N, C-alpha and C. Protein backbone atom coordinates (compact mmCIF):
# COMPACT_ATOMS: atom_id res chain seq x y z
N MET A 1 0.73 -1.05 -0.20
CA MET A 1 0.09 0.13 0.10
C MET A 1 0.70 1.40 0.19
N LYS A 2 0.49 2.01 -0.56
CA LYS A 2 1.75 2.87 -0.75
C LYS A 2 0.45 4.59 -1.21
N LEU A 3 0.61 5.33 0.08
CA LEU A 3 -0.48 6.51 0.01
C LEU A 3 0.62 7.86 0.26
N SER A 4 0.25 9.32 -0.42
CA SER A 4 0.60 10.46 0.05
C SER A 4 0.00 10.87 1.38
N ALA A 5 -0.71 10.29 1.88
CA ALA A 5 -0.57 10.39 3.27
C ALA A 5 0.44 10.05 4.32
N ARG A 6 0.80 10.76 5.23
CA ARG A 6 1.88 10.72 6.33
C ARG A 6 1.44 10.03 7.07
N ASN A 7 0.07 10.46 7.82
CA ASN A 7 -0.52 9.54 8.82
C ASN A 7 -1.15 8.56 8.86
N ILE A 8 -0.36 7.25 8.93
CA ILE A 8 -0.92 5.69 8.78
C ILE A 8 -0.35 5.34 10.10
N ILE A 9 -1.33 4.88 10.55
CA ILE A 9 -1.63 4.46 11.94
C ILE A 9 -2.25 3.08 11.81
N LYS A 10 -1.55 1.69 12.46
CA LYS A 10 -2.05 0.64 12.04
C LYS A 10 -2.79 0.46 13.68
N GLY A 11 -4.27 -0.51 13.71
CA GLY A 11 -4.89 -0.61 14.81
C GLY A 11 -5.35 -1.84 14.67
N LYS A 12 -6.23 -2.24 15.49
CA LYS A 12 -7.00 -3.46 15.35
C LYS A 12 -8.10 -2.98 15.74
N VAL A 13 -9.03 -3.23 15.15
CA VAL A 13 -11.23 -3.15 15.31
C VAL A 13 -11.36 -3.65 16.69
N ILE A 14 -12.56 -2.89 17.36
CA ILE A 14 -12.71 -3.25 18.57
C ILE A 14 -14.06 -2.46 18.86
N SER A 15 -14.73 -2.10 17.60
CA SER A 15 -16.03 -1.79 17.52
C SER A 15 -16.44 -1.63 16.20
N ILE A 16 -17.80 -1.96 16.19
CA ILE A 16 -18.42 -1.65 14.53
C ILE A 16 -19.86 -1.59 14.86
N LYS A 17 -19.84 -0.04 14.93
CA LYS A 17 -21.76 0.12 15.14
C LYS A 17 -22.02 0.50 13.46
N LYS A 18 -22.95 -0.49 13.22
CA LYS A 18 -23.86 -0.44 11.75
C LYS A 18 -24.83 0.54 11.67
N GLY A 19 -24.88 1.10 10.75
CA GLY A 19 -26.36 1.78 10.32
C GLY A 19 -26.62 1.93 9.34
N PRO A 20 -27.91 2.15 8.52
CA PRO A 20 -28.26 2.27 7.27
C PRO A 20 -27.66 2.98 5.97
N VAL A 21 -26.96 3.84 6.45
CA VAL A 21 -26.21 4.56 5.38
C VAL A 21 -24.46 4.62 6.25
N SER A 22 -24.02 4.90 6.86
CA SER A 22 -22.62 4.88 7.63
C SER A 22 -22.97 3.90 9.37
N THR A 23 -21.76 3.42 9.00
CA THR A 23 -20.82 2.67 10.17
C THR A 23 -19.80 3.70 10.72
N THR A 24 -19.95 2.92 11.84
CA THR A 24 -18.28 3.61 13.23
C THR A 24 -17.93 2.53 13.23
N ILE A 25 -16.53 3.01 12.99
CA ILE A 25 -15.56 1.78 13.27
C ILE A 25 -14.71 2.55 14.16
N THR A 26 -14.24 2.04 14.99
CA THR A 26 -13.29 1.92 16.55
C THR A 26 -12.24 1.31 16.10
N LEU A 27 -10.92 1.78 16.43
CA LEU A 27 -9.58 1.13 16.25
C LEU A 27 -9.21 1.18 17.42
N GLN A 28 -8.59 0.46 17.98
CA GLN A 28 -7.24 0.56 19.30
C GLN A 28 -6.03 0.62 18.46
N VAL A 29 -5.54 1.78 18.59
CA VAL A 29 -4.19 1.67 18.06
C VAL A 29 -2.84 1.71 19.12
N ALA A 30 -3.45 1.76 20.36
CA ALA A 30 -2.66 1.48 21.62
C ALA A 30 -3.15 1.40 22.49
N PRO A 31 -2.67 0.74 23.85
CA PRO A 31 -3.29 0.48 25.10
C PRO A 31 -4.08 1.60 25.29
N GLY A 32 -5.03 1.72 25.52
CA GLY A 32 -6.27 3.19 26.14
C GLY A 32 -6.14 3.80 25.00
N ILE A 33 -6.16 3.69 23.72
CA ILE A 33 -5.95 4.86 22.58
C ILE A 33 -6.38 4.71 21.76
N GLU A 34 -8.20 4.91 21.02
CA GLU A 34 -8.91 4.62 20.53
C GLU A 34 -8.57 5.71 18.95
N ILE A 35 -9.27 5.40 17.95
CA ILE A 35 -9.56 6.39 17.11
C ILE A 35 -11.01 5.88 16.30
N THR A 36 -11.82 6.67 16.33
CA THR A 36 -13.30 6.05 15.58
C THR A 36 -13.12 7.05 14.26
N SER A 37 -13.83 6.32 13.45
CA SER A 37 -14.11 6.73 11.89
C SER A 37 -15.20 6.57 11.74
N SER A 38 -16.07 7.34 11.00
CA SER A 38 -17.35 7.35 10.12
C SER A 38 -17.24 6.97 8.66
N ILE A 39 -17.35 5.39 8.19
CA ILE A 39 -17.47 5.79 6.87
C ILE A 39 -18.92 5.18 6.21
N THR A 40 -18.97 4.74 4.87
CA THR A 40 -20.13 4.34 4.27
C THR A 40 -19.99 2.93 4.65
N SER A 41 -21.55 2.42 5.24
CA SER A 41 -21.72 1.24 5.38
C SER A 41 -21.46 0.28 4.24
N GLU A 42 -21.08 0.66 2.77
CA GLU A 42 -21.02 0.17 2.02
C GLU A 42 -19.39 -0.07 1.76
N ALA A 43 -19.04 0.35 2.19
CA ALA A 43 -17.31 1.12 2.23
C ALA A 43 -17.20 -0.06 3.65
N ALA A 44 -17.68 -0.17 4.42
CA ALA A 44 -17.57 -1.21 5.43
C ALA A 44 -17.63 -2.58 5.25
N LYS A 45 -18.65 -2.90 4.10
CA LYS A 45 -18.66 -4.28 4.03
C LYS A 45 -17.24 -4.87 3.08
N GLU A 46 -17.24 -3.87 1.90
CA GLU A 46 -16.02 -3.91 1.08
C GLU A 46 -14.70 -4.38 1.41
N LEU A 47 -14.67 -3.61 2.58
CA LEU A 47 -13.05 -4.06 3.17
C LEU A 47 -13.22 -4.93 4.67
N LYS A 48 -14.32 -5.22 4.15
CA LYS A 48 -14.50 -6.94 5.21
C LYS A 48 -14.34 -6.61 6.60
N LEU A 49 -14.72 -5.44 7.28
CA LEU A 49 -14.12 -4.49 8.54
C LEU A 49 -14.94 -5.80 9.49
N ALA A 50 -13.93 -6.34 10.21
CA ALA A 50 -14.21 -7.25 11.53
C ALA A 50 -14.05 -6.96 12.43
N LYS A 51 -14.07 -7.10 13.85
CA LYS A 51 -14.12 -6.83 15.35
C LYS A 51 -12.62 -8.12 15.37
N GLY A 52 -11.69 -7.43 16.02
CA GLY A 52 -10.48 -8.26 15.78
C GLY A 52 -9.50 -8.39 14.60
N LYS A 53 -9.97 -7.63 13.72
CA LYS A 53 -8.95 -7.49 12.59
C LYS A 53 -8.13 -6.37 12.90
N PRO A 54 -6.97 -6.64 11.73
CA PRO A 54 -6.37 -5.47 11.60
C PRO A 54 -6.50 -4.45 10.70
N ALA A 55 -6.73 -3.23 11.16
CA ALA A 55 -7.04 -2.03 9.77
C ALA A 55 -6.36 -0.89 10.13
N TYR A 56 -5.89 -0.13 9.47
CA TYR A 56 -5.17 0.82 9.49
C TYR A 56 -5.79 2.57 9.35
N ALA A 57 -6.07 3.54 10.07
CA ALA A 57 -6.69 4.66 10.32
C ALA A 57 -5.55 5.56 9.39
N VAL A 58 -6.08 6.35 8.16
CA VAL A 58 -5.16 6.57 7.31
C VAL A 58 -5.74 8.24 7.67
N ILE A 59 -4.76 9.18 8.04
CA ILE A 59 -5.25 10.62 8.00
C ILE A 59 -4.46 12.14 7.61
N LYS A 60 -5.73 12.25 6.31
CA LYS A 60 -4.80 13.43 5.56
C LYS A 60 -5.64 14.36 5.56
N ALA A 61 -5.48 15.27 6.24
CA ALA A 61 -6.27 16.98 6.44
C ALA A 61 -5.62 17.97 6.13
N SER A 62 -6.37 18.92 5.35
CA SER A 62 -5.76 20.06 4.75
C SER A 62 -5.50 21.27 5.65
N SER A 63 -6.48 20.79 7.09
CA SER A 63 -5.89 21.53 8.68
C SER A 63 -6.07 21.07 9.60
N VAL A 64 -6.01 21.22 10.90
CA VAL A 64 -6.69 21.12 12.20
C VAL A 64 -6.32 21.59 13.29
N LEU A 65 -7.53 21.61 13.68
CA LEU A 65 -8.35 22.65 14.67
C LEU A 65 -7.86 22.08 15.67
N LEU A 66 -7.80 23.02 16.28
CA LEU A 66 -7.71 22.66 18.19
C LEU A 66 -8.40 23.78 19.19
N ALA A 67 -8.80 23.61 20.59
CA ALA A 67 -9.79 24.55 20.88
C ALA A 67 -9.91 23.93 22.53
N VAL A 68 -10.05 25.11 22.89
CA VAL A 68 -9.53 25.22 24.50
C VAL A 68 -10.89 25.58 25.12
N ASP A 69 -11.39 25.49 26.44
CA ASP A 69 -12.47 25.99 27.03
C ASP A 69 -11.95 27.74 27.96
């Protein structure tokens, strides 16, 4: 796999919440650290995502926003 994105984080699928249009996938990328992504349900099916299966979070953004209270 070759991508232009530089933020590629390997993890393990720990949760899948299927919806009619979108599915929420949670990856555990380190002990106590999780990344959650919302993708189309069709994409989740095509990727054959399953709990316990390895997957990658690929993050490419033109901006990163920070906020504080």
